[in-house]
Amino acid sequence: MLNKKDRIMKKSYILLSILTVIFLTFITVNRVQAQLYINEFMASNDAAFPGLLNDYADWIEIYNAGNEDIMLGGYFMSDDLADTSSWCEIPSTYPDSVTVPAGGYIIFYANKAEDVSVMCLHFKLSSSGEQIGLWDPDKNVVDTLTFGAQVTDTSYGRYPDGSATWYFMPDFTPGAANRHTTGIVNNKKEVFLSQNQPNPFNNFSKIEFNIAKAQNVVISVFDLTGKTVDVLTNKYYTAGKHSIVWNASNLKAGIYYYKLQTETSSTVKKAMIIR
């Protein structure tokens, strides 16, 4: 028969064992969650990727950086991080269809066609910028993103996969490893946007553009998170060549993108500010 001291030690050992199991379970669950990433998406898909229903829907890629397959049935996705009632629950009806393999990718389509396929979500993405979230079945955050204005037929993704750095990707890769190029080409030939000069620059740089017809032109600047940080011009221009001066004295050093947007076209270039 155990004496009082031995009984206390035994109880302490049992309690410690239980707490250890709980802690290891918590670490394991959170390690799995941390290995799932919203890795790439396209919020303005006019003619780039036909998708599941050949409807050129918005799409979202999830990347599993872990070494185990993860079935996403019961997980939630949404374009609103705050309104839990609007979250879309991924069905587990066909578990193989919604399983993201270890080191692999899975694509969901934001096209409001959730009744057609388990791969379709009941919301669409906004090309002017909004949010994307992924939650586990207990509604714990797995990954979230707030993004700014997007470029037509160009994805926005992490490079390298699963990293904290986001880039615009004209060479989009749904279901495969992301590729990053330093420049984004014109989507329409009726607009030409030059590389700013000088680049890199400190406070001032010149941007030239050419439009084939008279129309309203917006040139905006945004950072690597997609957040708009400045609007350089927003007015009606005649057909032909024009130039503006970018005053970046209020911005921090770093990499930025500037986008020329018209009614029918958008073009993006990369710039660097140095201090």
C-alpha atoms as a PDB file:
ATOM      1  CA  MET A   1       0.000   0.000   0.000  1.00  0.00           C
ATOM      2  CA  LEU A   2       1.322   3.407  -1.029  1.00  0.00           C
ATOM      3  CA  ASN A   3       2.020   5.948   1.642  1.00  0.00           C
ATOM      4  CA  LYS A   4       0.720   9.507   1.405  1.00  0.00           C
ATOM      5  CA  LYS A   5       3.874  10.812  -0.224  1.00  0.00           C
ATOM      6  CA  ASP A   6       3.841   8.080  -2.880  1.00  0.00           C
ATOM      7  CA  ARG A   7       0.136   8.699  -3.612  1.00  0.00           C
ATOM      8  CA  ILE A   8       0.786  12.405  -4.146  1.00  0.00           C
ATOM      9  CA  MET A   9       3.699  11.610  -6.452  1.00  0.00           C
ATOM     10  CA  LYS A  10       1.568   9.131  -8.414  1.00  0.00           C
ATOM     11  CA  LYS A  11      -1.241  11.676  -8.837  1.00  0.00           C
ATOM     12  CA  SER A  12       1.264  14.298  -9.930  1.00  0.00           C
ATOM     13  CA  TYR A  13       2.726  11.890 -12.473  1.00  0.00           C
ATOM     14  CA  ILE A  14      -0.714  11.043 -13.877  1.00  0.00           C
ATOM     15  CA  LEU A  15      -1.628  14.734 -14.088  1.00  0.00           C
ATOM     16  CA  LEU A  16       1.664  15.526 -15.801  1.00  0.00           C
ATOM     17  CA  SER A  17       1.089  12.693 -18.281  1.00  0.00           C
ATOM     18  CA  ILE A  18      -2.398  13.992 -19.137  1.00  0.00           C
ATOM     19  CA  LEU A  19      -1.129  17.541 -19.591  1.00  0.00           C
ATOM     20  CA  THR A  20       1.701  16.245 -21.793  1.00  0.00           C
ATOM     21  CA  VAL A  21      -0.760  14.371 -24.022  1.00  0.00           C
ATOM     22  CA  ILE A  22      -2.985  17.465 -24.293  1.00  0.00           C
ATOM     23  CA  PHE A  23       0.013  19.654 -25.117  1.00  0.00           C
ATOM     24  CA  LEU A  24       1.361  17.265 -27.746  1.00  0.00           C
ATOM     25  CA  THR A  25      -2.116  16.982 -29.304  1.00  0.00           C
ATOM     26  CA  PHE A  26      -2.382  20.768 -29.433  1.00  0.00           C
ATOM     27  CA  ILE A  27       1.057  21.041 -31.024  1.00  0.00           C
ATOM     28  CA  THR A  28       0.189  18.317 -33.571  1.00  0.00           C
ATOM     29  CA  VAL A  29      -3.123  19.936 -34.552  1.00  0.00           C
ATOM     30  CA  ASN A  30      -1.574  23.379 -34.895  1.00  0.00           C
ATOM     31  CA  ARG A  31       1.369  21.965 -36.830  1.00  0.00           C
ATOM     32  CA  VAL A  32      -1.104  20.482 -39.346  1.00  0.00           C
ATOM     33  CA  GLN A  33      -2.959  23.785 -39.542  1.00  0.00           C
ATOM     34  CA  ALA A  34       0.261  25.728 -40.033  1.00  0.00           C
ATOM     35  CA  GLN A  35       1.128  23.542 -43.030  1.00  0.00           C
ATOM     36  CA  LEU A  36      -1.968  24.590 -44.990  1.00  0.00           C
ATOM     37  CA  TYR A  37      -1.709  27.850 -46.913  1.00  0.00           C
ATOM     38  CA  ILE A  38      -3.875  29.968 -49.151  1.00  0.00           C
ATOM     39  CA  ASN A  39      -1.129  29.883 -51.763  1.00  0.00           C
ATOM     40  CA  GLU A  40      -2.455  31.450 -54.981  1.00  0.00           C
ATOM     41  CA  PHE A  41      -5.716  32.862 -56.304  1.00  0.00           C
ATOM     42  CA  MET A  42      -7.229  34.716 -59.225  1.00  0.00           C
ATOM     43  CA  ALA A  43     -10.006  37.232 -58.579  1.00  0.00           C
ATOM     44  CA  SER A  44     -10.399  38.529 -62.162  1.00  0.00           C
ATOM     45  CA  ASN A  45     -10.475  35.546 -64.508  1.00  0.00           C
ATOM     46  CA  ASP A  46     -11.743  36.769 -67.882  1.00  0.00           C
ATOM     47  CA  ALA A  47     -10.079  34.292 -70.206  1.00  0.00           C
ATOM     48  CA  ALA A  48      -7.075  32.867 -68.381  1.00  0.00           C
ATOM     49  CA  PHE A  49      -8.210  29.573 -66.863  1.00  0.00           C
ATOM     50  CA  PRO A  50     -11.470  27.809 -67.861  1.00  0.00           C
ATOM     51  CA  GLY A  51     -11.750  25.902 -64.613  1.00  0.00           C
ATOM     52  CA  LEU A  52     -14.031  23.075 -63.572  1.00  0.00           C
ATOM     53  CA  LEU A  53     -17.222  24.207 -65.324  1.00  0.00           C
ATOM     54  CA  ASN A  54     -15.493  26.020 -68.183  1.00  0.00           C
ATOM     55  CA  ASP A  55     -16.932  29.225 -66.698  1.00  0.00           C
ATOM     56  CA  TYR A  56     -13.672  31.160 -66.049  1.00  0.00           C
ATOM     57  CA  ALA A  57     -14.505  31.382 -62.374  1.00  0.00           C
ATOM     58  CA  ASP A  58     -12.411  32.949 -59.634  1.00  0.00           C
ATOM     59  CA  TRP A  59     -10.223  30.282 -58.081  1.00  0.00           C
ATOM     60  CA  ILE A  60      -8.289  29.686 -54.870  1.00  0.00           C
ATOM     61  CA  GLU A  61      -5.366  27.302 -54.433  1.00  0.00           C
ATOM     62  CA  ILE A  62      -4.590  25.637 -51.083  1.00  0.00           C
ATOM     63  CA  TYR A  63      -1.067  24.288 -50.558  1.00  0.00           C
ATOM     64  CA  ASN A  64      -0.231  21.502 -48.112  1.00  0.00           C
ATOM     65  CA  ALA A  65       3.391  21.931 -47.028  1.00  0.00           C
ATOM     66  CA  GLY A  66       3.222  18.939 -44.678  1.00  0.00           C
ATOM     67  CA  ASN A  67       4.117  15.282 -45.170  1.00  0.00           C
ATOM     68  CA  GLU A  68       0.577  13.932 -44.660  1.00  0.00           C
ATOM     69  CA  ASP A  69      -2.524  14.178 -46.838  1.00  0.00           C
ATOM     70  CA  ILE A  70      -5.253  16.389 -45.337  1.00  0.00           C
ATOM     71  CA  MET A  71      -8.954  15.915 -46.040  1.00  0.00           C
ATOM     72  CA  LEU A  72     -10.607  19.345 -46.066  1.00  0.00           C
ATOM     73  CA  GLY A  73     -14.195  18.157 -45.643  1.00  0.00           C
ATOM     74  CA  GLY A  74     -15.644  20.152 -42.733  1.00  0.00           C
ATOM     75  CA  TYR A  75     -13.195  23.030 -43.168  1.00  0.00           C
ATOM     76  CA  PHE A  76     -14.564  26.479 -43.945  1.00  0.00           C
ATOM     77  CA  MET A  77     -13.695  29.106 -46.567  1.00  0.00           C
ATOM     78  CA  SER A  78     -15.028  32.618 -47.021  1.00  0.00           C
ATOM     79  CA  ASP A  79     -14.402  36.073 -48.454  1.00  0.00           C
ATOM     80  CA  ASP A  80     -15.516  37.644 -45.166  1.00  0.00           C
ATOM     81  CA  LEU A  81     -13.311  37.046 -42.126  1.00  0.00           C
ATOM     82  CA  ALA A  82     -15.774  38.494 -39.625  1.00  0.00           C
ATOM     83  CA  ASP A  83     -19.191  37.125 -40.596  1.00  0.00           C
ATOM     84  CA  THR A  84     -19.033  33.492 -39.482  1.00  0.00           C
ATOM     85  CA  SER A  85     -22.591  32.862 -40.712  1.00  0.00           C
ATOM     86  CA  SER A  86     -21.423  33.456 -44.287  1.00  0.00           C
ATOM     87  CA  TRP A  87     -18.597  30.926 -44.190  1.00  0.00           C
ATOM     88  CA  CYS A  88     -18.779  28.127 -46.755  1.00  0.00           C
ATOM     89  CA  GLU A  89     -18.305  24.636 -45.317  1.00  0.00           C
ATOM     90  CA  ILE A  90     -16.419  22.295 -47.626  1.00  0.00           C
ATOM     91  CA  PRO A  91     -18.493  19.101 -47.979  1.00  0.00           C
ATOM     92  CA  SER A  92     -17.037  15.721 -47.032  1.00  0.00           C
ATOM     93  CA  THR A  93     -19.442  13.884 -49.358  1.00  0.00           C
ATOM     94  CA  TYR A  94     -16.565  12.895 -51.623  1.00  0.00           C
ATOM     95  CA  PRO A  95     -13.523  12.936 -49.329  1.00  0.00           C
ATOM     96  CA  ASP A  96     -11.056  11.964 -52.063  1.00  0.00           C
ATOM     97  CA  SER A  97     -12.079  15.024 -54.089  1.00  0.00           C
ATOM     98  CA  VAL A  98     -11.365  17.447 -51.243  1.00  0.00           C
ATOM     99  CA  THR A  99      -8.134  15.883 -49.987  1.00  0.00           C
ATOM    100  CA  VAL A 100      -4.969  17.907 -50.563  1.00  0.00           C
ATOM    101  CA  PRO A 101      -1.972  15.581 -50.845  1.00  0.00           C
ATOM    102  CA  ALA A 102       1.221  16.014 -48.862  1.00  0.00           C
ATOM    103  CA  GLY A 103       3.359  18.602 -50.596  1.00  0.00           C
ATOM    104  CA  GLY A 104       0.549  19.168 -53.086  1.00  0.00           C
ATOM    105  CA  TYR A 105      -2.220  21.538 -54.071  1.00  0.00           C
ATOM    106  CA  ILE A 106      -5.974  21.686 -54.445  1.00  0.00           C
ATOM    107  CA  ILE A 107      -8.114  24.212 -56.327  1.00  0.00           C
ATOM    108  CA  PHE A 108     -11.510  25.541 -55.237  1.00  0.00           C
ATOM    109  CA  TYR A 109     -13.689  27.660 -57.508  1.00  0.00           C
ATOM    110  CA  ALA A 110     -15.387  30.783 -56.143  1.00  0.00           C
ATOM    111  CA  ASN A 111     -18.347  30.782 -58.534  1.00  0.00           C
ATOM    112  CA  LYS A 112     -21.488  30.379 -56.395  1.00  0.00           C
ATOM    113  CA  ALA A 113     -22.018  26.913 -57.886  1.00  0.00           C
ATOM    114  CA  GLU A 114     -21.794  24.926 -54.654  1.00  0.00           C
ATOM    115  CA  ASP A 115     -24.751  22.757 -55.714  1.00  0.00           C
ATOM    116  CA  VAL A 116     -22.831  21.522 -58.763  1.00  0.00           C
ATOM    117  CA  SER A 117     -19.579  20.315 -57.197  1.00  0.00           C
ATOM    118  CA  VAL A 118     -17.842  19.976 -53.831  1.00  0.00           C
ATOM    119  CA  MET A 119     -15.028  21.978 -55.408  1.00  0.00           C
ATOM    120  CA  CYS A 120     -17.256  25.034 -55.861  1.00  0.00           C
ATOM    121  CA  LEU A 121     -17.800  27.705 -53.204  1.00  0.00           C
ATOM    122  CA  HIS A 122     -20.880  29.833 -52.562  1.00  0.00           C
ATOM    123  CA  PHE A 123     -19.095  33.160 -52.990  1.00  0.00           C
ATOM    124  CA  LYS A 124     -17.114  35.061 -55.609  1.00  0.00           C
ATOM    125  CA  LEU A 125     -13.995  37.166 -55.157  1.00  0.00           C
ATOM    126  CA  SER A 126     -13.881  40.905 -55.755  1.00  0.00           C
ATOM    127  CA  SER A 127     -11.284  42.141 -58.241  1.00  0.00           C
ATOM    128  CA  SER A 128     -11.181  45.466 -56.383  1.00  0.00           C
ATOM    129  CA  GLY A 129      -9.880  43.714 -53.247  1.00  0.00           C
ATOM    130  CA  GLU A 130     -11.290  41.937 -50.193  1.00  0.00           C
ATOM    131  CA  GLN A 131     -10.453  38.909 -48.011  1.00  0.00           C
ATOM    132  CA  ILE A 132      -9.979  35.140 -48.130  1.00  0.00           C
ATOM    133  CA  GLY A 133     -10.025  32.875 -45.098  1.00  0.00           C
ATOM    134  CA  LEU A 134      -9.554  29.179 -44.318  1.00  0.00           C
ATOM    135  CA  TRP A 135     -10.693  27.664 -40.994  1.00  0.00           C
ATOM    136  CA  ASP A 136     -10.622  24.134 -39.586  1.00  0.00           C
ATOM    137  CA  PRO A 137     -13.837  22.247 -38.629  1.00  0.00           C
ATOM    138  CA  ASP A 138     -13.742  23.878 -35.163  1.00  0.00           C
ATOM    139  CA  LYS A 139     -13.512  27.294 -36.860  1.00  0.00           C
ATOM    140  CA  ASN A 140      -9.940  27.886 -35.749  1.00  0.00           C
ATOM    141  CA  VAL A 141      -7.983  30.085 -38.147  1.00  0.00           C
ATOM    142  CA  VAL A 142      -5.753  28.148 -40.539  1.00  0.00           C
ATOM    143  CA  ASP A 143      -4.822  30.984 -42.917  1.00  0.00           C
ATOM    144  CA  THR A 144      -6.266  34.367 -43.902  1.00  0.00           C
ATOM    145  CA  LEU A 145      -5.432  37.091 -46.391  1.00  0.00           C
ATOM    146  CA  THR A 146      -6.590  40.643 -47.071  1.00  0.00           C
ATOM    147  CA  PHE A 147      -5.728  41.725 -50.603  1.00  0.00           C
ATOM    148  CA  GLY A 148      -6.034  44.821 -52.750  1.00  0.00           C
ATOM    149  CA  ALA A 149      -7.013  45.480 -56.369  1.00  0.00           C
ATOM    150  CA  GLN A 150      -6.191  42.640 -58.749  1.00  0.00           C
ATOM    151  CA  VAL A 151      -5.017  42.439 -62.345  1.00  0.00           C
ATOM    152  CA  THR A 152      -7.195  40.739 -64.948  1.00  0.00           C
ATOM    153  CA  ASP A 153      -6.048  37.225 -65.922  1.00  0.00           C
ATOM    154  CA  THR A 154      -3.146  37.452 -63.481  1.00  0.00           C
ATOM    155  CA  SER A 155      -2.949  35.478 -60.266  1.00  0.00           C
ATOM    156  CA  TYR A 156      -1.659  36.633 -56.878  1.00  0.00           C
ATOM    157  CA  GLY A 157       0.424  34.114 -54.998  1.00  0.00           C
ATOM    158  CA  ARG A 158       3.136  33.284 -52.524  1.00  0.00           C
ATOM    159  CA  TYR A 159       6.660  32.814 -53.785  1.00  0.00           C
ATOM    160  CA  PRO A 160       8.149  30.489 -52.817  1.00  0.00           C
ATOM    161  CA  ASP A 161       5.081  28.374 -52.008  1.00  0.00           C
ATOM    162  CA  GLY A 162       3.934  28.828 -48.425  1.00  0.00           C
ATOM    163  CA  SER A 163       6.193  31.835 -47.803  1.00  0.00           C
ATOM    164  CA  ALA A 164       5.105  35.223 -46.471  1.00  0.00           C
ATOM    165  CA  THR A 165       5.883  37.071 -49.713  1.00  0.00           C
ATOM    166  CA  TRP A 166       3.157  37.700 -52.294  1.00  0.00           C
ATOM    167  CA  TYR A 167       3.571  38.623 -55.961  1.00  0.00           C
ATOM    168  CA  PHE A 168       1.419  39.173 -59.019  1.00  0.00           C
ATOM    169  CA  MET A 169       1.911  36.239 -61.385  1.00  0.00           C
ATOM    170  CA  PRO A 170       1.084  36.526 -65.091  1.00  0.00           C
ATOM    171  CA  ASP A 171       2.517  33.008 -65.352  1.00  0.00           C
ATOM    172  CA  PHE A 172      -0.178  31.576 -63.083  1.00  0.00           C
ATOM    173  CA  THR A 173       0.058  27.937 -61.965  1.00  0.00           C
ATOM    174  CA  PRO A 174      -3.175  26.563 -60.450  1.00  0.00           C
ATOM    175  CA  GLY A 175      -2.411  23.171 -58.913  1.00  0.00           C
ATOM    176  CA  ALA A 176       1.373  23.479 -59.303  1.00  0.00           C
ATOM    177  CA  ALA A 177       4.353  25.255 -57.756  1.00  0.00           C
ATOM    178  CA  ASN A 178       4.210  29.034 -58.119  1.00  0.00           C
ATOM    179  CA  ARG A 179       6.468  30.831 -60.572  1.00  0.00           C
ATOM    180  CA  HIS A 180       7.367  34.495 -60.257  1.00  0.00           C
ATOM    181  CA  THR A 181       8.462  36.903 -62.968  1.00  0.00           C
ATOM    182  CA  THR A 182       9.634  40.449 -62.359  1.00  0.00           C
ATOM    183  CA  GLY A 183       7.413  42.144 -64.940  1.00  0.00           C
ATOM    184  CA  ILE A 184       3.758  41.871 -65.849  1.00  0.00           C
ATOM    185  CA  VAL A 185       2.953  42.347 -69.516  1.00  0.00           C
ATOM    186  CA  ASN A 186       0.051  44.181 -71.082  1.00  0.00           C
ATOM    187  CA  ASN A 187      -3.247  42.368 -71.089  1.00  0.00           C
ATOM    188  CA  LYS A 188      -4.441  44.409 -74.082  1.00  0.00           C
ATOM    189  CA  LYS A 189      -2.340  45.775 -76.914  1.00  0.00           C
ATOM    190  CA  GLU A 190      -4.143  49.113 -77.083  1.00  0.00           C
ATOM    191  CA  VAL A 191      -2.267  50.277 -73.982  1.00  0.00           C
ATOM    192  CA  PHE A 192       1.473  50.540 -73.366  1.00  0.00           C
ATOM    193  CA  LEU A 193       3.014  51.297 -69.980  1.00  0.00           C
ATOM    194  CA  SER A 194       6.741  52.024 -69.716  1.00  0.00           C
ATOM    195  CA  GLN A 195       9.100  51.105 -66.927  1.00  0.00           C
ATOM    196  CA  ASN A 196       9.463  54.078 -64.592  1.00  0.00           C
ATOM    197  CA  GLN A 197      12.713  56.022 -64.889  1.00  0.00           C
ATOM    198  CA  PRO A 198      14.869  56.075 -62.895  1.00  0.00           C
ATOM    199  CA  ASN A 199      14.336  52.726 -61.220  1.00  0.00           C
ATOM    200  CA  PRO A 200      15.293  52.151 -58.410  1.00  0.00           C
ATOM    201  CA  PHE A 201      14.603  55.707 -57.270  1.00  0.00           C
ATOM    202  CA  ASN A 202      14.416  57.836 -54.162  1.00  0.00           C
ATOM    203  CA  ASN A 203      11.601  60.375 -54.299  1.00  0.00           C
ATOM    204  CA  PHE A 204      10.703  61.080 -57.932  1.00  0.00           C
ATOM    205  CA  SER A 205      10.380  58.917 -61.021  1.00  0.00           C
ATOM    206  CA  LYS A 206       8.829  59.430 -64.462  1.00  0.00           C
ATOM    207  CA  ILE A 207       6.184  57.082 -65.894  1.00  0.00           C
ATOM    208  CA  GLU A 208       5.212  57.169 -69.570  1.00  0.00           C
ATOM    209  CA  PHE A 209       2.214  55.475 -71.177  1.00  0.00           C
ATOM    210  CA  ASN A 210       0.567  55.324 -74.569  1.00  0.00           C
ATOM    211  CA  ILE A 211      -3.131  54.723 -75.265  1.00  0.00           C
ATOM    212  CA  ALA A 212      -4.621  53.976 -78.671  1.00  0.00           C
ATOM    213  CA  LYS A 213      -7.874  55.814 -77.998  1.00  0.00           C
ATOM    214  CA  ALA A 214      -9.086  58.624 -75.748  1.00  0.00           C
ATOM    215  CA  GLN A 215     -10.338  57.277 -72.418  1.00  0.00           C
ATOM    216  CA  ASN A 216     -10.096  57.550 -68.652  1.00  0.00           C
ATOM    217  CA  VAL A 217      -6.831  56.284 -67.182  1.00  0.00           C
ATOM    218  CA  VAL A 218      -6.126  55.334 -63.576  1.00  0.00           C
ATOM    219  CA  ILE A 219      -2.576  54.683 -62.403  1.00  0.00           C
ATOM    220  CA  SER A 220      -2.410  53.348 -58.849  1.00  0.00           C
ATOM    221  CA  VAL A 221       0.436  52.119 -56.666  1.00  0.00           C
ATOM    222  CA  PHE A 222       0.231  49.173 -54.298  1.00  0.00           C
ATOM    223  CA  ASP A 223       2.604  47.287 -52.045  1.00  0.00           C
ATOM    224  CA  LEU A 224       3.476  43.588 -51.934  1.00  0.00           C
ATOM    225  CA  THR A 225       0.353  42.811 -49.895  1.00  0.00           C
ATOM    226  CA  GLY A 226      -1.847  44.269 -52.628  1.00  0.00           C
ATOM    227  CA  LYS A 227      -2.806  47.325 -50.572  1.00  0.00           C
ATOM    228  CA  THR A 228      -3.277  50.511 -52.599  1.00  0.00           C
ATOM    229  CA  VAL A 229      -0.884  53.141 -51.233  1.00  0.00           C
ATOM    230  CA  ASP A 230      -1.297  55.921 -53.809  1.00  0.00           C
ATOM    231  CA  VAL A 231      -3.253  56.948 -56.908  1.00  0.00           C
ATOM    232  CA  LEU A 232      -1.011  58.846 -59.315  1.00  0.00           C
ATOM    233  CA  THR A 233      -3.689  59.861 -61.804  1.00  0.00           C
ATOM    234  CA  ASN A 234      -7.375  59.310 -62.455  1.00  0.00           C
ATOM    235  CA  LYS A 235      -8.592  61.377 -65.376  1.00  0.00           C
ATOM    236  CA  TYR A 236      -9.491  61.443 -69.074  1.00  0.00           C
ATOM    237  CA  TYR A 237      -6.595  61.393 -71.555  1.00  0.00           C
ATOM    238  CA  THR A 238      -6.526  61.870 -75.318  1.00  0.00           C
ATOM    239  CA  ALA A 239      -5.080  59.152 -77.548  1.00  0.00           C
ATOM    240  CA  GLY A 240      -1.305  59.132 -77.738  1.00  0.00           C
ATOM    241  CA  LYS A 241       1.719  59.329 -75.482  1.00  0.00           C
ATOM    242  CA  HIS A 242       1.594  60.842 -71.988  1.00  0.00           C
ATOM    243  CA  SER A 243       3.835  61.052 -68.929  1.00  0.00           C
ATOM    244  CA  ILE A 244       3.399  61.666 -65.211  1.00  0.00           C
ATOM    245  CA  VAL A 245       5.806  62.140 -62.305  1.00  0.00           C
ATOM    246  CA  TRP A 246       5.539  59.748 -59.381  1.00  0.00           C
ATOM    247  CA  ASN A 247       6.259  61.482 -56.090  1.00  0.00           C
ATOM    248  CA  ALA A 248       7.054  58.667 -53.640  1.00  0.00           C
ATOM    249  CA  SER A 249       8.488  60.784 -50.843  1.00  0.00           C
ATOM    250  CA  ASN A 250       5.779  59.576 -48.442  1.00  0.00           C
ATOM    251  CA  LEU A 251       6.490  55.864 -49.011  1.00  0.00           C
ATOM    252  CA  LYS A 252       8.958  53.594 -47.274  1.00  0.00           C
ATOM    253  CA  ALA A 253      11.806  51.916 -49.109  1.00  0.00           C
ATOM    254  CA  GLY A 254      10.843  48.649 -50.753  1.00  0.00           C
ATOM    255  CA  ILE A 255       9.256  46.978 -53.767  1.00  0.00           C
ATOM    256  CA  TYR A 256       5.998  48.349 -55.181  1.00  0.00           C
ATOM    257  CA  TYR A 257       3.800  47.781 -58.201  1.00  0.00           C
ATOM    258  CA  TYR A 258       2.081  50.446 -60.270  1.00  0.00           C
ATOM    259  CA  LYS A 259      -0.951  49.585 -62.387  1.00  0.00           C
ATOM    260  CA  LEU A 260      -2.453  51.390 -65.355  1.00  0.00           C
ATOM    261  CA  GLN A 261      -6.170  50.652 -65.603  1.00  0.00           C
ATOM    262  CA  THR A 262      -8.576  51.611 -68.410  1.00  0.00           C
ATOM    263  CA  GLU A 263     -12.091  50.466 -69.217  1.00  0.00           C
ATOM    264  CA  THR A 264     -10.800  47.460 -71.169  1.00  0.00           C
ATOM    265  CA  SER A 265      -7.226  46.880 -70.081  1.00  0.00           C
ATOM    266  CA  SER A 266      -4.816  46.779 -67.182  1.00  0.00           C
ATOM    267  CA  THR A 267      -1.020  46.674 -67.091  1.00  0.00           C
ATOM    268  CA  VAL A 268       1.342  46.381 -64.143  1.00  0.00           C
ATOM    269  CA  LYS A 269       5.028  47.169 -63.657  1.00  0.00           C
ATOM    270  CA  LYS A 270       7.367  46.654 -60.721  1.00  0.00           C
ATOM    271  CA  ALA A 271       9.393  49.468 -59.103  1.00  0.00           C
ATOM    272  CA  MET A 272      11.813  49.829 -56.208  1.00  0.00           C
ATOM    273  CA  ILE A 273      12.116  52.758 -53.830  1.00  0.00           C
ATOM    274  CA  ILE A 274      15.433  53.230 -52.032  1.00  0.00           C
ATOM    275  CA  ARG A 275      16.281  55.492 -49.094  1.00  0.00           C
END
